[in-house]
Amino acid sequence: MASTLPQIPLPLVRGDDFAHVFYIVGSDEVTPTNITGRTYAMQMRPTPDAAAVSLSFTCTVPVGSDGAVNVAASHTLTAALTRTTYVADLQETASGVVTTLVRVTFTVVADVTR
């Protein structure tokens, strides 16, 4: 039986730098998972089935034992986005196995100060 992915809504201001930290934790939902050696990827699209990627995020793991995945995009990349809602998901690759961990809904709002 497949489990339902957690879903997180996040705002994103067009033309701003974006940064968010996802924490990978154990079954107790508190203890950090050691994610050393794992890689992460996150892409934004207007719909899950859209062929074109609207934005690819940079995903880094500063200290694997902390369980933290830093996800970021520069203001140059976010400036090209349209004011609308996008979807993304965070995928983990561990020992060749790809797992989608979370689905994110981004609401892109217009920047006022330019």
N, C-alpha and C. Protein backbone atom coordinates (compact mmCIF):
# COMPACT_ATOMS: atom_id res chain seq x y z
N MET A 1 0.85 -1.17 0.00
CA MET A 1 0.00 0.00 0.00
C MET A 1 0.90 1.24 0.00
N ALA A 2 0.69 2.13 -0.96
CA ALA A 2 1.51 3.33 -1.08
C ALA A 2 1.08 4.37 -0.05
N SER A 3 2.08 5.03 0.51
CA SER A 3 1.76 6.08 1.48
C SER A 3 1.56 7.40 0.75
N THR A 4 0.86 8.31 1.38
CA THR A 4 0.63 9.63 0.82
C THR A 4 1.84 10.50 1.13
N LEU A 5 2.31 11.22 0.12
CA LEU A 5 3.44 12.12 0.32
C LEU A 5 3.02 13.31 1.16
N PRO A 6 3.90 13.76 2.05
CA PRO A 6 3.62 15.03 2.74
C PRO A 6 3.58 16.15 1.70
N GLN A 7 2.71 17.12 1.91
CA GLN A 7 2.59 18.25 1.00
C GLN A 7 2.83 19.55 1.77
N ILE A 8 3.69 20.40 1.21
CA ILE A 8 4.06 21.64 1.88
C ILE A 8 3.80 22.81 0.93
N PRO A 9 3.03 23.82 1.37
CA PRO A 9 2.89 25.03 0.57
C PRO A 9 3.99 26.03 0.95
N LEU A 10 4.64 26.62 -0.07
CA LEU A 10 5.68 27.62 0.19
C LEU A 10 5.48 28.83 -0.73
N PRO A 11 5.63 30.03 -0.17
CA PRO A 11 5.61 31.21 -1.03
C PRO A 11 6.97 31.43 -1.66
N LEU A 12 6.98 32.07 -2.81
CA LEU A 12 8.23 32.41 -3.47
C LEU A 12 8.03 33.77 -4.14
N VAL A 13 8.85 34.75 -3.77
CA VAL A 13 8.73 36.08 -4.35
C VAL A 13 9.61 36.14 -5.59
N ARG A 14 8.97 36.44 -6.72
CA ARG A 14 9.69 36.53 -7.99
C ARG A 14 10.81 37.56 -7.88
N GLY A 15 12.02 37.20 -8.30
CA GLY A 15 13.16 38.09 -8.25
C GLY A 15 13.93 38.09 -6.94
N ASP A 16 13.50 37.26 -5.98
CA ASP A 16 14.22 37.13 -4.71
C ASP A 16 15.04 35.85 -4.70
N ASP A 17 16.11 35.85 -3.90
CA ASP A 17 16.81 34.60 -3.64
C ASP A 17 15.89 33.73 -2.80
N PHE A 18 15.89 32.43 -3.08
CA PHE A 18 15.05 31.50 -2.34
C PHE A 18 15.94 30.49 -1.63
N ALA A 19 15.63 30.22 -0.37
CA ALA A 19 16.35 29.19 0.39
C ALA A 19 15.38 28.53 1.37
N HIS A 20 15.47 27.22 1.46
CA HIS A 20 14.64 26.46 2.40
C HIS A 20 15.44 25.24 2.83
N VAL A 21 15.27 24.83 4.07
CA VAL A 21 15.94 23.64 4.58
C VAL A 21 14.90 22.56 4.86
N PHE A 22 15.12 21.39 4.29
CA PHE A 22 14.30 20.22 4.59
C PHE A 22 15.11 19.33 5.52
N TYR A 23 14.47 18.85 6.58
CA TYR A 23 15.14 17.97 7.53
C TYR A 23 14.63 16.54 7.33
N ILE A 24 15.55 15.63 7.13
CA ILE A 24 15.21 14.21 6.97
C ILE A 24 15.36 13.58 8.36
N VAL A 25 14.25 13.05 8.87
CA VAL A 25 14.24 12.51 10.23
C VAL A 25 13.78 11.06 10.23
N GLY A 26 14.06 10.38 11.34
CA GLY A 26 13.67 8.99 11.50
C GLY A 26 12.19 8.82 11.76
N SER A 27 11.79 7.59 12.00
CA SER A 27 10.37 7.26 12.21
C SER A 27 9.78 7.95 13.43
N ASP A 28 10.64 8.39 14.37
CA ASP A 28 10.13 9.10 15.54
C ASP A 28 9.82 10.57 15.21
N GLU A 29 10.12 10.97 13.96
CA GLU A 29 9.88 12.33 13.45
C GLU A 29 10.66 13.40 14.20
N VAL A 30 11.74 13.01 14.88
CA VAL A 30 12.57 13.95 15.63
C VAL A 30 14.06 13.74 15.34
N THR A 31 14.51 12.51 15.42
CA THR A 31 15.93 12.20 15.30
C THR A 31 16.40 12.37 13.85
N PRO A 32 17.45 13.20 13.61
CA PRO A 32 17.95 13.37 12.25
C PRO A 32 18.47 12.06 11.67
N THR A 33 18.19 11.84 10.39
CA THR A 33 18.72 10.70 9.66
C THR A 33 20.08 11.09 9.10
N ASN A 34 21.06 10.21 9.20
CA ASN A 34 22.36 10.47 8.60
C ASN A 34 22.22 10.26 7.10
N ILE A 35 22.32 11.35 6.33
CA ILE A 35 22.12 11.29 4.88
C ILE A 35 23.44 11.41 4.11
N THR A 36 24.54 11.13 4.77
CA THR A 36 25.85 11.16 4.12
C THR A 36 25.83 10.23 2.91
N GLY A 37 26.30 10.72 1.77
CA GLY A 37 26.38 9.92 0.56
C GLY A 37 25.12 9.93 -0.28
N ARG A 38 24.06 10.51 0.21
CA ARG A 38 22.83 10.60 -0.56
C ARG A 38 22.82 11.91 -1.35
N THR A 39 22.11 11.92 -2.46
CA THR A 39 21.97 13.14 -3.25
C THR A 39 20.51 13.51 -3.36
N TYR A 40 20.26 14.79 -3.65
CA TYR A 40 18.90 15.31 -3.70
C TYR A 40 18.71 16.18 -4.93
N ALA A 41 17.49 16.17 -5.45
CA ALA A 41 17.14 16.98 -6.61
C ALA A 41 15.73 17.52 -6.42
N MET A 42 15.50 18.74 -6.94
CA MET A 42 14.17 19.34 -6.86
C MET A 42 13.96 20.20 -8.09
N GLN A 43 12.86 19.95 -8.80
CA GLN A 43 12.49 20.72 -9.98
C GLN A 43 11.08 21.26 -9.81
N MET A 44 10.87 22.46 -10.36
CA MET A 44 9.56 23.11 -10.32
C MET A 44 8.96 23.09 -11.72
N ARG A 45 7.68 22.77 -11.81
CA ARG A 45 6.93 22.76 -13.08
C ARG A 45 5.54 23.33 -12.83
N PRO A 46 4.88 23.81 -13.90
CA PRO A 46 3.52 24.32 -13.70
C PRO A 46 2.52 23.24 -13.31
N THR A 47 2.73 22.02 -13.80
CA THR A 47 1.91 20.86 -13.43
C THR A 47 2.84 19.66 -13.35
N PRO A 48 2.45 18.61 -12.64
CA PRO A 48 3.32 17.44 -12.55
C PRO A 48 3.67 16.82 -13.92
N ASP A 49 2.76 16.93 -14.88
CA ASP A 49 2.97 16.31 -16.18
C ASP A 49 3.63 17.23 -17.21
N ALA A 50 3.91 18.47 -16.85
CA ALA A 50 4.53 19.41 -17.79
C ALA A 50 5.92 18.91 -18.19
N ALA A 51 6.23 18.99 -19.47
CA ALA A 51 7.54 18.54 -19.95
C ALA A 51 8.65 19.51 -19.57
N ALA A 52 8.36 20.79 -19.67
CA ALA A 52 9.39 21.80 -19.41
C ALA A 52 9.57 22.06 -17.92
N VAL A 53 10.83 22.15 -17.50
CA VAL A 53 11.16 22.49 -16.12
C VAL A 53 11.18 24.01 -16.01
N SER A 54 10.44 24.56 -15.06
CA SER A 54 10.41 26.01 -14.86
C SER A 54 11.62 26.48 -14.05
N LEU A 55 12.08 25.64 -13.12
CA LEU A 55 13.23 26.00 -12.29
C LEU A 55 13.81 24.74 -11.68
N SER A 56 15.12 24.60 -11.75
CA SER A 56 15.83 23.52 -11.04
C SER A 56 16.55 24.14 -9.85
N PHE A 57 16.30 23.60 -8.69
CA PHE A 57 16.91 24.11 -7.47
C PHE A 57 18.27 23.47 -7.24
N THR A 58 19.15 24.17 -6.55
CA THR A 58 20.41 23.62 -6.08
C THR A 58 20.14 22.96 -4.74
N CYS A 59 20.51 21.69 -4.61
CA CYS A 59 20.30 20.94 -3.37
C CYS A 59 21.65 20.52 -2.82
N THR A 60 21.91 20.89 -1.56
CA THR A 60 23.19 20.55 -0.93
C THR A 60 22.96 19.96 0.45
N VAL A 61 23.92 19.14 0.86
CA VAL A 61 23.90 18.52 2.19
C VAL A 61 25.18 18.99 2.88
N PRO A 62 25.09 20.02 3.75
CA PRO A 62 26.31 20.53 4.38
C PRO A 62 26.96 19.55 5.35
N VAL A 63 26.16 18.90 6.20
CA VAL A 63 26.67 17.93 7.18
C VAL A 63 25.67 16.77 7.19
N GLY A 64 26.08 15.64 6.62
CA GLY A 64 25.16 14.52 6.46
C GLY A 64 24.51 14.04 7.74
N SER A 65 25.23 14.06 8.84
CA SER A 65 24.68 13.56 10.11
C SER A 65 23.58 14.46 10.68
N ASP A 66 23.48 15.69 10.18
CA ASP A 66 22.42 16.62 10.64
C ASP A 66 21.08 16.36 9.96
N GLY A 67 21.09 15.62 8.84
CA GLY A 67 19.85 15.32 8.13
C GLY A 67 19.26 16.50 7.39
N ALA A 68 20.04 17.56 7.19
CA ALA A 68 19.52 18.78 6.55
C ALA A 68 19.86 18.82 5.07
N VAL A 69 18.86 19.15 4.27
CA VAL A 69 19.04 19.35 2.83
C VAL A 69 18.71 20.81 2.55
N ASN A 70 19.71 21.57 2.08
CA ASN A 70 19.49 22.96 1.72
C ASN A 70 19.06 23.02 0.26
N VAL A 71 17.95 23.71 0.02
CA VAL A 71 17.41 23.88 -1.33
C VAL A 71 17.41 25.37 -1.62
N ALA A 72 17.98 25.76 -2.78
CA ALA A 72 18.12 27.19 -3.07
C ALA A 72 17.96 27.47 -4.56
N ALA A 73 17.60 28.74 -4.84
CA ALA A 73 17.55 29.25 -6.22
C ALA A 73 17.90 30.74 -6.15
N SER A 74 18.66 31.19 -7.11
CA SER A 74 19.10 32.59 -7.12
C SER A 74 17.98 33.52 -7.61
N HIS A 75 18.13 34.79 -7.26
CA HIS A 75 17.15 35.79 -7.70
C HIS A 75 17.10 35.89 -9.22
N THR A 76 18.20 35.62 -9.88
CA THR A 76 18.22 35.63 -11.35
C THR A 76 17.27 34.57 -11.90
N LEU A 77 17.28 33.39 -11.29
CA LEU A 77 16.39 32.31 -11.74
C LEU A 77 14.94 32.57 -11.38
N THR A 78 14.68 33.06 -10.17
CA THR A 78 13.29 33.29 -9.78
C THR A 78 12.66 34.48 -10.52
N ALA A 79 13.49 35.40 -11.01
CA ALA A 79 12.98 36.56 -11.75
C ALA A 79 12.27 36.14 -13.04
N ALA A 80 12.62 34.99 -13.58
CA ALA A 80 12.02 34.53 -14.84
C ALA A 80 10.67 33.83 -14.65
N LEU A 81 10.25 33.63 -13.41
CA LEU A 81 9.00 32.92 -13.14
C LEU A 81 7.78 33.80 -13.36
N THR A 82 6.70 33.17 -13.74
CA THR A 82 5.41 33.84 -13.89
C THR A 82 4.66 33.77 -12.57
N ARG A 83 3.88 34.79 -12.28
CA ARG A 83 3.04 34.76 -11.08
C ARG A 83 1.95 33.71 -11.26
N THR A 84 2.13 32.60 -10.61
CA THR A 84 1.16 31.51 -10.67
C THR A 84 1.53 30.47 -9.62
N THR A 85 0.90 29.34 -9.66
CA THR A 85 1.20 28.24 -8.75
C THR A 85 1.98 27.17 -9.50
N TYR A 86 3.02 26.66 -8.88
CA TYR A 86 3.85 25.61 -9.45
C TYR A 86 3.90 24.44 -8.47
N VAL A 87 4.31 23.28 -8.98
CA VAL A 87 4.52 22.11 -8.12
C VAL A 87 5.98 21.68 -8.23
N ALA A 88 6.45 21.04 -7.18
CA ALA A 88 7.81 20.50 -7.16
C ALA A 88 7.80 19.32 -6.20
N ASP A 89 8.86 18.52 -6.27
CA ASP A 89 9.03 17.49 -5.25
C ASP A 89 10.51 17.33 -4.98
N LEU A 90 10.81 16.88 -3.79
CA LEU A 90 12.19 16.65 -3.38
C LEU A 90 12.45 15.16 -3.52
N GLN A 91 13.44 14.81 -4.36
CA GLN A 91 13.79 13.41 -4.56
C GLN A 91 15.17 13.12 -3.98
N GLU A 92 15.26 11.96 -3.37
CA GLU A 92 16.51 11.49 -2.78
C GLU A 92 17.00 10.28 -3.57
N THR A 93 18.32 10.23 -3.82
CA THR A 93 18.93 9.05 -4.41
C THR A 93 19.91 8.49 -3.38
N ALA A 94 19.66 7.26 -2.95
CA ALA A 94 20.49 6.59 -1.95
C ALA A 94 20.82 5.20 -2.47
N SER A 95 22.09 4.93 -2.70
CA SER A 95 22.55 3.63 -3.22
C SER A 95 21.80 3.25 -4.49
N GLY A 96 21.56 4.22 -5.36
CA GLY A 96 20.89 3.97 -6.64
C GLY A 96 19.38 3.92 -6.58
N VAL A 97 18.80 4.01 -5.40
CA VAL A 97 17.34 3.97 -5.24
C VAL A 97 16.82 5.40 -5.15
N VAL A 98 15.87 5.75 -6.04
CA VAL A 98 15.28 7.09 -6.05
C VAL A 98 13.96 7.06 -5.29
N THR A 99 13.81 8.00 -4.35
CA THR A 99 12.59 8.09 -3.54
C THR A 99 12.14 9.54 -3.49
N THR A 100 10.87 9.77 -3.77
CA THR A 100 10.30 11.11 -3.64
C THR A 100 9.85 11.27 -2.20
N LEU A 101 10.35 12.32 -1.54
CA LEU A 101 10.12 12.51 -0.10
C LEU A 101 8.96 13.44 0.22
N VAL A 102 8.80 14.49 -0.57
CA VAL A 102 7.78 15.49 -0.25
C VAL A 102 7.35 16.20 -1.53
N ARG A 103 6.10 16.63 -1.59
CA ARG A 103 5.58 17.43 -2.69
C ARG A 103 5.43 18.85 -2.17
N VAL A 104 5.83 19.83 -2.98
CA VAL A 104 5.76 21.24 -2.59
C VAL A 104 4.90 21.98 -3.60
N THR A 105 4.02 22.83 -3.11
CA THR A 105 3.26 23.74 -3.96
C THR A 105 3.80 25.14 -3.72
N PHE A 106 4.34 25.74 -4.78
CA PHE A 106 4.87 27.09 -4.71
C PHE A 106 3.86 28.07 -5.27
N THR A 107 3.60 29.13 -4.51
CA THR A 107 2.80 30.24 -5.02
C THR A 107 3.78 31.38 -5.26
N VAL A 108 3.97 31.72 -6.55
CA VAL A 108 4.90 32.78 -6.90
C VAL A 108 4.14 34.09 -6.93
N VAL A 109 4.63 35.04 -6.15
CA VAL A 109 4.02 36.36 -6.09
C VAL A 109 4.96 37.38 -6.71
N ALA A 110 4.38 38.47 -7.21
CA ALA A 110 5.17 39.50 -7.86
C ALA A 110 6.02 40.25 -6.85
N ASP A 111 7.20 40.63 -7.30
CA ASP A 111 8.04 41.51 -6.50
C ASP A 111 7.60 42.94 -6.76
N VAL A 112 7.66 43.77 -5.75
CA VAL A 112 7.26 45.17 -5.90
C VAL A 112 8.49 46.05 -6.06
N THR A 113 9.47 45.86 -5.22
CA THR A 113 10.70 46.65 -5.31
C THR A 113 11.64 45.97 -6.29
N ARG A 114 12.05 46.69 -7.32
CA ARG A 114 12.94 46.12 -8.34
C ARG A 114 14.11 47.04 -8.57
